[in-house]
N, C-alpha and C. Protein backbone atom coordinates (compact mmCIF):
# COMPACT_ATOMS: atom_id res chain seq x y z
N MET A 1 10.20 2.83 -7.48
CA MET A 1 8.99 3.98 -8.14
C MET A 1 7.95 3.24 -8.70
N GLY A 2 7.33 2.38 -8.14
CA GLY A 2 6.33 1.31 -8.48
C GLY A 2 4.67 1.80 -7.99
N CYS A 3 4.60 2.70 -6.86
CA CYS A 3 3.93 3.14 -6.04
C CYS A 3 3.50 4.06 -6.73
N ARG A 4 4.14 5.04 -7.53
CA ARG A 4 4.08 6.00 -8.90
C ARG A 4 3.05 5.24 -9.73
N VAL A 5 4.31 4.58 -10.22
CA VAL A 5 3.21 3.74 -11.18
C VAL A 5 1.55 3.07 -10.79
N VAL A 6 1.80 2.77 -10.38
CA VAL A 6 -0.04 2.21 -9.80
C VAL A 6 -0.37 3.56 -9.53
N LEU A 7 -0.01 4.62 -8.95
CA LEU A 7 -1.20 5.34 -8.48
C LEU A 7 -1.28 5.80 -9.98
N GLU A 8 -0.35 6.34 -10.47
CA GLU A 8 -0.43 6.65 -11.94
C GLU A 8 -1.31 6.35 -13.07
N ALA A 9 -1.84 5.04 -12.67
CA ALA A 9 -2.78 3.72 -13.66
C ALA A 9 -3.84 4.08 -13.16
N ALA A 10 -3.96 4.26 -11.68
CA ALA A 10 -5.25 4.36 -11.00
C ALA A 10 -6.19 5.66 -11.50
N ARG A 11 -4.62 6.72 -11.55
CA ARG A 11 -6.07 8.06 -11.88
C ARG A 11 -6.10 8.07 -13.68
N LEU A 12 -5.00 7.33 -14.35
CA LEU A 12 -5.60 7.56 -15.85
C LEU A 12 -6.56 6.79 -16.54
N VAL A 13 -6.46 4.91 -15.52
CA VAL A 13 -7.75 4.07 -15.96
C VAL A 13 -8.70 3.75 -14.51
N PRO A 14 -8.69 4.59 -13.94
CA PRO A 14 -9.67 4.03 -13.01
C PRO A 14 -10.74 3.35 -13.00
N GLU A 15 -11.27 3.07 -14.35
CA GLU A 15 -12.44 1.66 -13.89
C GLU A 15 -12.01 0.36 -14.47
N ARG A 16 -10.59 0.25 -14.50
CA ARG A 16 -9.91 -0.96 -14.85
C ARG A 16 -8.67 -1.27 -13.49
N ILE A 17 -9.37 -0.55 -12.02
CA ILE A 17 -8.69 -1.41 -11.61
C ILE A 17 -9.08 -1.18 -10.03
N ALA A 18 -8.53 -2.34 -9.79
CA ALA A 18 -10.03 -3.37 -8.70
C ALA A 18 -9.26 -3.03 -7.17
N GLY A 19 -8.42 -2.53 -7.43
CA GLY A 19 -7.47 -2.55 -5.82
C GLY A 19 -6.01 -2.17 -6.23
N ILE A 20 -5.53 -1.54 -5.24
CA ILE A 20 -4.07 -0.73 -5.21
C ILE A 20 -3.41 -1.67 -4.21
N VAL A 21 -2.18 -2.49 -4.86
CA VAL A 21 -1.02 -2.51 -3.39
C VAL A 21 0.28 -1.23 -3.34
N LEU A 22 0.58 -0.53 -2.40
CA LEU A 22 1.50 0.23 -2.17
C LEU A 22 3.11 -0.89 -1.65
N VAL A 23 3.83 -0.83 -2.39
CA VAL A 23 5.39 -1.64 -1.51
C VAL A 23 6.21 -0.38 -1.36
N ASP A 24 5.70 -0.08 0.25
CA ASP A 24 7.19 1.10 1.13
C ASP A 24 7.51 2.27 0.14
N GLY A 25 6.02 2.57 0.01
CA GLY A 25 6.02 4.21 -1.05
C GLY A 25 6.70 4.91 0.51
N SER A 26 7.12 5.80 -1.05
CA SER A 26 7.70 7.80 -0.57
C SER A 26 7.69 8.83 -1.94
N ARG A 27 7.66 9.81 -0.71
CA ARG A 27 7.52 11.28 -1.41
C ARG A 27 8.68 11.91 -1.40
N LEU A 28 9.35 12.03 -2.91
CA LEU A 28 10.71 13.11 -3.47
C LEU A 28 10.39 14.00 -3.33
N GLY A 29 9.00 14.52 -3.99
CA GLY A 29 8.72 16.31 -4.03
C GLY A 29 7.75 16.76 -3.61
N SER A 30 7.49 17.76 -3.05
CA SER A 30 6.35 18.59 -3.24
C SER A 30 6.26 19.52 -3.25
N GLY A 31 5.14 20.76 -3.29
CA GLY A 31 5.03 22.37 -3.81
C GLY A 31 5.29 22.09 -5.12
N ASN A 32 6.59 23.11 -6.11
CA ASN A 32 6.71 23.79 -7.16
C ASN A 32 7.65 22.38 -7.87
N PRO A 33 6.90 21.85 -8.72
CA PRO A 33 7.21 20.23 -9.63
C PRO A 33 8.93 20.71 -9.99
N ASP A 34 8.93 22.01 -10.68
CA ASP A 34 10.17 22.69 -11.13
C ASP A 34 11.53 22.66 -10.32
N ALA A 35 10.64 22.76 -8.87
CA ALA A 35 12.43 23.32 -8.35
C ALA A 35 12.44 21.90 -6.83
N ALA A 36 11.37 20.73 -7.24
CA ALA A 36 11.59 18.99 -7.04
C ALA A 36 12.69 18.58 -7.72
N GLU A 37 12.49 18.84 -8.87
CA GLU A 37 13.05 17.95 -10.19
C GLU A 37 14.25 19.14 -10.10
N ALA A 38 14.56 20.46 -9.97
CA ALA A 38 15.99 21.00 -9.62
C ALA A 38 16.89 20.13 -8.28
N THR A 39 16.09 20.46 -7.48
CA THR A 39 16.52 19.21 -5.94
C THR A 39 17.55 18.36 -6.67
N ALA A 40 16.30 17.15 -7.41
CA ALA A 40 16.94 15.69 -7.32
C ALA A 40 17.86 15.38 -8.47
N ARG A 41 17.51 16.95 -8.90
CA ARG A 41 19.28 16.46 -10.14
C ARG A 41 20.25 16.76 -9.93
N ALA A 42 20.32 17.91 -8.59
CA ALA A 42 21.64 18.83 -8.40
C ALA A 42 22.00 17.09 -7.95
N GLN A 43 21.00 16.53 -6.51
CA GLN A 43 21.60 15.58 -5.74
C GLN A 43 22.78 14.46 -7.19
N ILE A 44 22.05 14.44 -7.84
CA ILE A 44 22.79 13.28 -8.77
C ILE A 44 23.90 13.83 -9.10
N GLU A 45 24.11 15.34 -9.62
CA GLU A 45 24.92 15.99 -10.13
C GLU A 45 26.43 16.04 -8.86
N GLN A 46 25.94 16.58 -8.07
CA GLN A 46 26.77 16.51 -6.83
C GLN A 46 27.76 15.37 -7.06
N ALA A 47 26.91 14.24 -6.64
CA ALA A 47 27.99 12.97 -6.34
C ALA A 47 28.21 12.30 -7.85
N GLY A 48 27.35 12.46 -8.67
CA GLY A 48 27.75 11.73 -10.30
C GLY A 48 27.03 10.50 -9.83
N TYR A 49 26.59 10.13 -11.37
CA TYR A 49 25.31 9.20 -11.22
C TYR A 49 25.73 7.93 -10.73
N ALA A 50 26.94 7.84 -10.65
CA ALA A 50 27.03 6.17 -10.41
C ALA A 50 27.03 6.06 -8.50
N ALA A 51 28.01 7.14 -8.06
CA ALA A 51 27.90 7.11 -6.78
C ALA A 51 26.67 6.90 -5.97
N PHE A 52 25.05 8.21 -6.44
CA PHE A 52 23.95 8.73 -5.84
C PHE A 52 23.42 7.37 -6.31
N ALA A 53 23.71 6.53 -7.29
CA ALA A 53 22.71 5.11 -7.52
C ALA A 53 22.98 3.69 -6.51
N GLU A 54 24.74 4.12 -5.86
CA GLU A 54 25.27 2.69 -5.38
C GLU A 54 24.94 3.40 -4.02
N ARG A 55 24.49 5.01 -3.08
CA ARG A 55 24.17 5.57 -2.08
C ARG A 55 22.69 4.93 -1.95
N LEU A 56 22.02 5.59 -2.70
CA LEU A 56 20.57 5.18 -3.18
C LEU A 56 20.14 3.77 -2.82
N PHE A 57 20.58 3.02 -3.57
CA PHE A 57 20.46 1.37 -3.81
C PHE A 57 20.75 0.68 -2.71
N ARG A 58 22.27 0.81 -2.11
CA ARG A 58 22.62 0.28 -0.91
C ARG A 58 21.69 0.77 0.70
N GLN A 59 21.10 1.86 0.23
CA GLN A 59 20.36 2.35 1.87
C GLN A 59 18.94 1.78 1.53
N MET A 60 18.30 0.78 0.95
CA MET A 60 16.72 0.41 0.37
C MET A 60 17.50 -1.20 1.27
N PHE A 61 18.52 -1.76 1.90
CA PHE A 61 19.05 -2.83 2.41
C PHE A 61 19.45 -2.62 3.63
N PHE A 62 19.14 -3.59 4.50
CA PHE A 62 19.96 -3.06 5.55
C PHE A 62 20.20 -4.43 6.52
N GLU A 63 20.81 -4.76 5.11
CA GLU A 63 21.71 -6.19 5.16
C GLU A 63 22.42 -6.30 4.11
N SER A 64 23.41 -6.87 4.01
CA SER A 64 23.96 -6.94 2.43
C SER A 64 23.94 -8.80 2.43
N THR A 65 23.19 -8.93 1.33
CA THR A 65 23.70 -10.29 0.88
C THR A 65 23.50 -10.78 -0.68
N PRO A 66 24.09 -12.16 -1.15
CA PRO A 66 24.37 -11.74 -2.40
C PRO A 66 22.88 -11.21 -3.55
N ALA A 67 21.51 -11.27 -3.36
CA ALA A 67 20.91 -10.65 -4.07
C ALA A 67 20.42 -9.06 -3.83
N SER A 68 20.61 -8.46 -2.71
CA SER A 68 21.15 -6.98 -2.29
C SER A 68 22.16 -6.94 -3.27
N GLU A 69 23.24 -7.48 -3.17
CA GLU A 69 24.39 -7.08 -4.01
C GLU A 69 24.43 -6.97 -5.80
N ARG A 70 23.77 -7.59 -5.97
CA ARG A 70 23.29 -7.81 -7.43
C ARG A 70 22.22 -6.88 -7.71
N LEU A 71 21.33 -5.87 -6.91
CA LEU A 71 20.78 -5.28 -7.59
C LEU A 71 21.17 -3.98 -7.27
N VAL A 72 22.10 -3.86 -6.79
CA VAL A 72 23.12 -2.69 -6.14
C VAL A 72 24.15 -2.87 -7.15
N ALA A 73 24.42 -3.64 -7.96
CA ALA A 73 25.77 -3.87 -8.81
C ALA A 73 24.63 -3.25 -10.48
N ARG A 74 23.48 -3.85 -10.46
CA ARG A 74 22.41 -3.55 -11.73
C ARG A 74 22.28 -2.25 -11.77
N ALA A 75 22.23 -1.29 -10.71
CA ALA A 75 21.14 0.08 -10.40
C ALA A 75 22.66 0.36 -11.31
N VAL A 76 23.97 0.54 -10.69
CA VAL A 76 25.03 0.72 -10.66
C VAL A 76 25.40 1.00 -12.30
N ARG A 77 25.49 -0.04 -12.95
CA ARG A 77 25.67 -0.47 -13.99
C ARG A 77 24.19 0.17 -15.08
N GLN A 78 23.32 0.89 -14.22
CA GLN A 78 22.37 1.20 -15.35
C GLN A 78 22.68 2.68 -16.08
N SER A 79 22.36 2.74 -17.27
CA SER A 79 22.84 4.10 -17.90
C SER A 79 22.48 4.68 -17.58
N ALA A 80 23.85 6.02 -17.16
CA ALA A 80 23.35 6.95 -16.72
C ALA A 80 22.38 8.32 -16.96
N ASP A 81 22.63 8.01 -18.72
CA ASP A 81 21.22 9.13 -18.76
C ASP A 81 20.00 8.27 -19.02
N ILE A 82 19.56 7.11 -18.35
CA ILE A 82 18.52 6.57 -18.20
C ILE A 82 18.14 6.93 -16.65
N GLY A 83 19.17 6.74 -15.83
CA GLY A 83 19.06 6.58 -14.49
C GLY A 83 19.13 7.48 -13.41
N ALA A 84 19.72 8.64 -14.43
CA ALA A 84 20.06 10.36 -13.89
C ALA A 84 18.63 10.74 -13.89
N ALA A 85 18.17 10.53 -15.23
CA ALA A 85 16.39 10.43 -15.46
C ALA A 85 15.91 10.84 -14.64
N LEU A 86 15.05 9.41 -13.81
CA LEU A 86 14.41 8.42 -13.70
C LEU A 86 13.97 9.74 -12.06
N TRP A 87 15.46 9.70 -11.35
CA TRP A 87 15.21 10.44 -10.21
C TRP A 87 14.07 11.83 -10.15
N PRO A 88 14.75 12.25 -10.96
CA PRO A 88 14.47 13.82 -10.95
C PRO A 88 12.88 14.41 -11.56
N ARG A 89 12.24 12.96 -12.80
CA ARG A 89 11.39 13.07 -13.17
C ARG A 89 9.87 12.63 -11.68
N SER A 90 10.87 11.59 -11.16
CA SER A 90 9.95 11.23 -9.78
C SER A 90 9.24 12.08 -8.77
N ALA A 91 10.47 12.84 -8.72
CA ALA A 91 10.37 13.77 -7.45
C ALA A 91 9.34 15.17 -8.31
N ARG A 92 9.49 15.44 -9.66
CA ARG A 92 8.59 16.66 -10.35
C ARG A 92 7.01 16.06 -10.22
N TRP A 93 6.52 14.73 -10.91
CA TRP A 93 5.92 13.36 -10.38
C TRP A 93 4.46 13.96 -9.27
N ASP A 94 5.85 13.33 -8.31
CA ASP A 94 5.13 13.81 -6.89
C ASP A 94 4.81 15.09 -6.80
N ALA A 95 5.48 16.17 -6.99
CA ALA A 95 5.55 17.35 -6.76
C ALA A 95 3.92 17.96 -7.44
N ALA A 96 4.10 17.29 -8.71
CA ALA A 96 3.02 18.05 -9.59
C ALA A 96 1.57 16.83 -9.48
N LEU A 97 1.58 15.61 -9.66
CA LEU A 97 0.81 14.73 -9.52
C LEU A 97 0.41 14.08 -8.10
N LEU A 98 0.86 13.90 -7.33
CA LEU A 98 1.20 12.63 -6.37
C LEU A 98 -0.61 12.86 -5.76
N GLU A 99 -0.58 14.34 -4.81
CA GLU A 99 -1.74 14.38 -4.49
C GLU A 99 -3.32 14.54 -5.28
N THR A 100 -3.24 14.74 -6.30
CA THR A 100 -4.17 14.12 -7.64
C THR A 100 -3.81 13.21 -7.73
N ALA A 101 -3.35 11.90 -8.18
CA ALA A 101 -3.64 10.73 -8.14
C ALA A 101 -3.69 9.90 -7.00
N ILE A 102 -3.74 10.19 -5.80
CA ILE A 102 -4.29 9.91 -4.39
C ILE A 102 -5.53 10.00 -4.08
N ALA A 103 -6.11 11.10 -4.89
CA ALA A 103 -7.91 11.66 -4.66
C ALA A 103 -8.18 10.83 -5.86
N ALA A 104 -7.63 10.98 -7.20
CA ALA A 104 -8.43 9.55 -8.33
C ALA A 104 -9.17 8.61 -7.26
N VAL A 105 -8.18 7.71 -6.17
CA VAL A 105 -8.28 6.45 -5.79
C VAL A 105 -9.80 6.53 -5.65
N ARG A 106 -10.47 5.07 -6.25
CA ARG A 106 -11.42 4.89 -5.85
C ARG A 106 -11.60 3.24 -5.80
N ALA A 107 -10.35 2.77 -6.06
CA ALA A 107 -10.80 1.15 -5.56
C ALA A 107 -9.98 1.11 -3.81
N PRO A 108 -9.63 0.07 -3.45
CA PRO A 108 -9.60 0.07 -1.91
C PRO A 108 -7.81 -0.51 -1.97
N VAL A 109 -7.51 0.30 -1.01
CA VAL A 109 -6.19 0.12 -1.02
C VAL A 109 -5.27 -0.78 0.17
N LEU A 110 -4.30 -1.27 -0.54
CA LEU A 110 -3.41 -1.63 0.86
C LEU A 110 -2.02 -1.22 0.63
N ALA A 111 -1.14 -0.69 1.63
CA ALA A 111 -0.44 -0.18 2.22
C ALA A 111 0.74 -1.23 2.54
N ILE A 112 1.60 -1.62 2.53
CA ILE A 112 2.98 -2.32 3.03
C ILE A 112 3.89 -1.38 3.27
N GLN A 113 4.37 -1.20 4.45
CA GLN A 113 5.46 -0.10 4.39
C GLN A 113 6.89 -0.76 5.28
N THR A 114 7.59 -0.55 5.41
CA THR A 114 8.85 -0.80 6.23
C THR A 114 10.18 0.08 6.17
N THR A 115 10.29 1.15 5.45
CA THR A 115 11.07 2.08 5.55
C THR A 115 10.37 3.16 5.35
N SER A 116 11.37 4.29 5.83
CA SER A 116 10.56 6.12 6.17
C SER A 116 11.86 6.21 5.73
N ARG A 117 11.80 7.83 5.39
CA ARG A 117 12.93 8.32 4.51
C ARG A 117 13.39 9.87 5.95
N ASN A 118 14.04 10.06 6.15
CA ASN A 118 14.47 11.07 7.10
C ASN A 118 14.32 12.26 6.23
N ALA A 119 14.76 13.76 6.79
CA ALA A 119 15.20 14.52 6.46
C ALA A 119 16.29 15.05 5.48
N LEU A 120 17.10 13.88 5.71
CA LEU A 120 18.51 14.09 4.16
C LEU A 120 17.87 12.71 3.83
N GLY A 121 16.83 12.35 3.28
CA GLY A 121 16.51 11.34 2.43
C GLY A 121 16.96 9.89 2.85
N GLU A 122 17.86 9.57 3.88
CA GLU A 122 18.04 8.49 4.18
C GLU A 122 16.81 7.69 4.39
N ARG A 123 17.28 6.34 4.38
CA ARG A 123 15.77 4.97 4.25
C ARG A 123 16.52 4.90 6.06
N ARG A 124 15.66 4.31 7.27
CA ARG A 124 15.56 3.80 8.43
C ARG A 124 14.43 2.90 8.28
N PRO A 125 14.81 1.80 8.71
CA PRO A 125 13.83 1.02 9.12
C PRO A 125 11.97 1.46 9.93
N MET A 126 11.44 1.10 9.53
CA MET A 126 10.41 1.22 10.54
C MET A 126 10.21 0.50 11.34
N GLN A 127 9.53 0.71 12.99
CA GLN A 127 9.14 0.05 13.42
C GLN A 127 7.27 -0.04 13.88
N ALA A 128 6.99 -1.16 14.35
CA ALA A 128 5.15 -1.38 14.50
C ALA A 128 5.05 -0.32 15.34
N GLY A 129 3.82 0.52 14.56
CA GLY A 129 3.11 1.32 15.20
C GLY A 129 3.32 2.84 14.88
N GLN A 130 4.61 2.90 14.22
CA GLN A 130 5.87 3.79 13.96
C GLN A 130 4.53 4.55 12.94
N SER A 131 4.50 5.81 12.31
CA SER A 131 4.48 6.36 11.48
C SER A 131 5.34 7.33 10.54
N SER A 132 5.00 8.03 9.23
CA SER A 132 5.89 8.55 8.33
C SER A 132 4.91 9.21 7.04
N PRO A 133 5.61 10.42 6.79
CA PRO A 133 5.10 11.65 6.38
C PRO A 133 4.27 10.84 5.39
N TRP A 134 4.78 9.65 4.42
CA TRP A 134 4.21 9.30 3.17
C TRP A 134 3.12 8.50 3.62
N LEU A 135 2.84 7.70 4.81
CA LEU A 135 2.16 6.93 5.76
C LEU A 135 0.70 7.77 6.08
N ASP A 136 1.35 9.30 6.41
CA ASP A 136 0.08 10.33 7.00
C ASP A 136 -0.69 10.67 5.84
N LEU A 137 0.21 11.14 4.87
CA LEU A 137 -0.43 11.40 3.42
C LEU A 137 -1.65 10.28 2.96
N LEU A 138 -1.41 9.38 3.18
CA LEU A 138 -2.06 8.01 2.27
C LEU A 138 -3.26 8.09 3.15
N LYS A 139 -3.34 8.17 4.97
CA LYS A 139 -4.75 8.19 6.32
C LYS A 139 -5.08 9.20 5.26
N ALA A 140 -4.49 10.81 5.30
CA ALA A 140 -5.45 11.91 5.42
C ALA A 140 -6.51 11.38 3.84
N ARG A 141 -5.51 10.94 3.40
CA ARG A 141 -6.88 11.16 1.92
C ARG A 141 -7.33 10.04 1.12
N LEU A 142 -6.70 8.84 2.16
CA LEU A 142 -7.40 7.10 1.59
C LEU A 142 -8.00 7.04 3.28
N LYS A 143 -9.34 6.88 3.59
CA LYS A 143 -9.87 7.02 4.46
C LYS A 143 -10.26 5.32 5.21
N ASN A 144 -10.58 4.25 3.53
CA ASN A 144 -9.99 3.25 4.01
C ASN A 144 -8.74 2.36 3.65
N ALA A 145 -8.05 2.62 3.29
CA ALA A 145 -6.65 2.15 3.33
C ALA A 145 -6.41 1.14 4.70
N ARG A 146 -6.10 0.42 3.63
CA ARG A 146 -5.39 -0.74 5.12
C ARG A 146 -3.85 -0.17 4.98
N ILE A 147 -3.05 0.19 6.01
CA ILE A 147 -1.76 0.29 6.54
C ILE A 147 -0.97 -1.04 7.07
N GLU A 148 -0.30 -1.69 6.71
CA GLU A 148 0.55 -2.69 7.06
C GLU A 148 1.91 -2.10 6.96
N VAL A 149 2.14 -1.83 8.76
CA VAL A 149 4.54 -1.94 8.88
C VAL A 149 4.91 -3.07 8.90
N LEU A 150 5.46 -3.45 7.97
CA LEU A 150 6.65 -4.69 8.44
C LEU A 150 7.74 -3.86 9.62
N PRO A 151 8.30 -4.72 10.63
CA PRO A 151 9.24 -4.00 10.81
C PRO A 151 10.58 -4.63 10.59
N GLY A 152 11.72 -3.88 10.90
CA GLY A 152 12.92 -4.87 10.26
C GLY A 152 12.93 -4.89 9.01
N LEU A 153 12.66 -4.43 7.73
CA LEU A 153 13.00 -4.59 6.54
C LEU A 153 13.30 -4.34 5.73
N GLY A 154 13.88 -3.53 4.60
CA GLY A 154 14.59 -3.08 3.77
C GLY A 154 13.44 -2.47 2.68
N HIS A 155 13.62 -2.07 1.98
CA HIS A 155 12.38 -1.15 0.76
C HIS A 155 11.96 -2.40 -0.33
N PHE A 156 13.00 -3.31 -0.16
CA PHE A 156 12.07 -4.44 -0.99
C PHE A 156 11.54 -5.53 -0.24
N PRO A 157 10.65 -5.33 0.24
CA PRO A 157 9.95 -6.94 1.41
C PRO A 157 9.41 -7.72 0.88
N GLN A 158 9.09 -7.68 -0.47
CA GLN A 158 8.44 -9.00 -1.81
C GLN A 158 9.77 -10.07 -1.61
N LEU A 159 10.96 -9.01 -1.42
CA LEU A 159 12.29 -10.04 -1.90
C LEU A 159 12.82 -10.68 -0.29
N GLU A 160 12.58 -9.86 0.48
CA GLU A 160 13.06 -10.20 1.96
C GLU A 160 12.30 -11.25 2.79
N ALA A 161 11.02 -10.83 2.91
CA ALA A 161 10.02 -11.35 3.38
C ALA A 161 8.85 -11.96 2.15
N PRO A 162 8.93 -12.84 1.59
CA PRO A 162 7.65 -13.10 0.21
C PRO A 162 6.98 -13.42 1.42
N GLU A 163 6.43 -14.56 1.78
CA GLU A 163 5.76 -15.68 2.30
C GLU A 163 4.75 -14.11 3.30
N ARG A 164 5.22 -13.64 4.14
CA ARG A 164 4.67 -12.00 4.66
C ARG A 164 3.67 -11.24 3.75
N VAL A 165 4.65 -10.68 2.86
CA VAL A 165 4.08 -10.23 1.90
C VAL A 165 2.81 -10.34 0.86
N ASN A 166 3.04 -12.03 0.75
CA ASN A 166 2.31 -12.43 -0.47
C ASN A 166 1.02 -12.73 0.99
N ARG A 167 0.77 -13.18 2.01
CA ARG A 167 -0.19 -13.88 3.00
C ARG A 167 -0.86 -12.27 3.25
N LEU A 168 0.18 -11.23 3.07
CA LEU A 168 -0.94 -10.12 3.18
C LEU A 168 -1.75 -9.48 1.74
N ILE A 169 -1.28 -9.65 0.27
CA ILE A 169 -1.71 -9.43 -0.70
C ILE A 169 -3.00 -10.48 -0.77
N GLU A 170 -2.23 -11.73 -0.52
CA GLU A 170 -3.98 -12.86 -0.25
C GLU A 170 -5.08 -12.28 0.09
N GLU A 171 -5.00 -12.08 1.72
CA GLU A 171 -5.69 -11.69 2.33
C GLU A 171 -6.63 -10.20 1.99
N PHE A 172 -6.01 -9.35 1.43
CA PHE A 172 -6.32 -8.62 0.57
C PHE A 172 -7.44 -8.51 -0.79
N CYS A 173 -6.92 -9.53 -1.59
CA CYS A 173 -7.36 -9.82 -2.44
C CYS A 173 -8.69 -10.70 -1.97
N ARG A 174 -8.81 -11.21 -0.76
CA ARG A 174 -10.20 -12.16 -0.61
C ARG A 174 -11.41 -10.78 0.07
């Protein structure tokens, strides 16, 4: 949800933003915010929060490691009241404000992308040169965005390949 946080910060206080780094973003909802929220809520209610959270977080990793297992376990332990509210509210924000937030960006943008989500919402690793609906949106709205696809990594490239991610951010900051 970090991409949403930084885009909202840039929308609210653009004068305080020198640059934006988006790491493995995606879009959960578009169109009607009420419908996007209801669809996301229904996904959780259908599976139950713990099962939903476990499936969601397991697919963020393409290899099981002690670190990935700790993150999955932490997500499943999250209070259902809090965890079950985050996903639908993220879908609502995406449908209501994502494009407005992107349009408000005035700072340079680096997008580091490693996965895409298919029509069923399942994560897949990206390959070099591949695009996604999220990247297509960024390319259409942010003409000067620098986009780097890192193949073969899961949703948390900063954990799986910290040297590569840090190098990209260092170069971007220069």
